[in-house]
Structures are given as C-alpha cells and as structure tokens.
C-alpha cells in the first residue's frame, strides 16, 4: 500500500475528472490499494 499527499491542483483535477492528468498517473490514483491524502490547507487555497 502506497500513500500520497496530493497537491491542490492534482486534487482538483481528480475531483473534476479533468483530462490534465496522464493516464498512468490517473491509474495510480484509481488503485484501491493506494491511500490519497489532501491537506486541509488545500481547502483554504480553493
């Protein structure tokens, strides 16, 4: 199991299903065995 702290831009791309992310990156985040974290600061940045 891998853990990732997402940058605000990446989190937004994932939440909006944007095409900005390359396929291999999207597959990495779609893997159920990986944990994704978003900082509370991201909410302030948005």
C-alpha atoms as a PDB file:
ATOM      1  CA  UNK A   1       0.000   0.000   0.000  1.00  0.00           C
ATOM      2  CA  UNK A   2       1.360   3.381  -1.009  1.00  0.00           C
ATOM      3  CA  UNK A   3       0.357   6.736   0.413  1.00  0.00           C
ATOM      4  CA  UNK A   4       0.233  10.009  -1.484  1.00  0.00           C
ATOM      5  CA  UNK A   5      -0.244  13.572  -0.310  1.00  0.00           C
ATOM      6  CA  UNK A   6      -1.887  15.365  -3.203  1.00  0.00           C
ATOM      7  CA  UNK A   7      -1.087  18.868  -4.310  1.00  0.00           C
ATOM      8  CA  UNK A   8      -4.152  21.128  -4.522  1.00  0.00           C
ATOM      9  CA  UNK A   9      -4.042  21.192  -8.328  1.00  0.00           C
ATOM     10  CA  UNK A  10      -3.873  17.409  -8.588  1.00  0.00           C
ATOM     11  CA  UNK A  11      -6.754  17.002  -6.110  1.00  0.00           C
ATOM     12  CA  UNK A  12      -8.856  19.416  -8.184  1.00  0.00           C
ATOM     13  CA  UNK A  13      -8.025  17.556 -11.382  1.00  0.00           C
ATOM     14  CA  UNK A  14      -9.135  14.282  -9.774  1.00  0.00           C
ATOM     15  CA  UNK A  15     -12.341  15.749  -8.331  1.00  0.00           C
ATOM     16  CA  UNK A  16     -13.347  17.332 -11.643  1.00  0.00           C
ATOM     17  CA  UNK A  17     -12.332  14.349 -13.784  1.00  0.00           C
ATOM     18  CA  UNK A  18     -10.040  16.644 -15.758  1.00  0.00           C
ATOM     19  CA  UNK A  19      -8.029  15.365 -18.705  1.00  0.00           C
ATOM     20  CA  UNK A  20      -4.952  17.218 -17.419  1.00  0.00           C
ATOM     21  CA  UNK A  21      -3.565  14.071 -15.775  1.00  0.00           C
ATOM     22  CA  UNK A  22      -1.703  11.464 -17.780  1.00  0.00           C
ATOM     23  CA  UNK A  23      -3.246   8.003 -17.900  1.00  0.00           C
ATOM     24  CA  UNK A  24      -0.530   6.309 -15.812  1.00  0.00           C
ATOM     25  CA  UNK A  25      -0.935   8.910 -13.056  1.00  0.00           C
ATOM     26  CA  UNK A  26      -4.728   8.517 -13.065  1.00  0.00           C
ATOM     27  CA  UNK A  27      -4.352   4.717 -12.848  1.00  0.00           C
ATOM     28  CA  UNK A  28      -2.041   5.130  -9.873  1.00  0.00           C
ATOM     29  CA  UNK A  29      -4.691   7.182  -8.059  1.00  0.00           C
ATOM     30  CA  UNK A  30      -7.525   4.850  -9.117  1.00  0.00           C
ATOM     31  CA  UNK A  31      -5.773   1.880  -7.489  1.00  0.00           C
ATOM     32  CA  UNK A  32      -7.792   0.944  -4.370  1.00  0.00           C
ATOM     33  CA  UNK A  33      -4.605  -0.191  -2.623  1.00  0.00           C
ATOM     34  CA  UNK A  34      -3.235   3.356  -2.527  1.00  0.00           C
ATOM     35  CA  UNK A  35      -4.218   5.923   0.085  1.00  0.00           C
ATOM     36  CA  UNK A  36      -4.684   9.502  -1.075  1.00  0.00           C
ATOM     37  CA  UNK A  37      -4.447  12.431   1.308  1.00  0.00           C
ATOM     38  CA  UNK A  38      -5.383  16.059   0.743  1.00  0.00           C
ATOM     39  CA  UNK A  39      -4.084  18.709   3.115  1.00  0.00           C
ATOM     40  CA  UNK A  40      -6.533  20.909   4.994  1.00  0.00           C
ATOM     41  CA  UNK A  41      -4.589  23.818   3.502  1.00  0.00           C
ATOM     42  CA  UNK A  42      -5.965  22.802   0.103  1.00  0.00           C
ATOM     43  CA  UNK A  43      -9.441  23.830   1.272  1.00  0.00           C
ATOM     44  CA  UNK A  44      -8.095  27.275   2.101  1.00  0.00           C
ATOM     45  CA  UNK A  45      -6.333  27.523  -1.250  1.00  0.00           C
ATOM     46  CA  UNK A  46      -9.523  26.680  -3.120  1.00  0.00           C
END
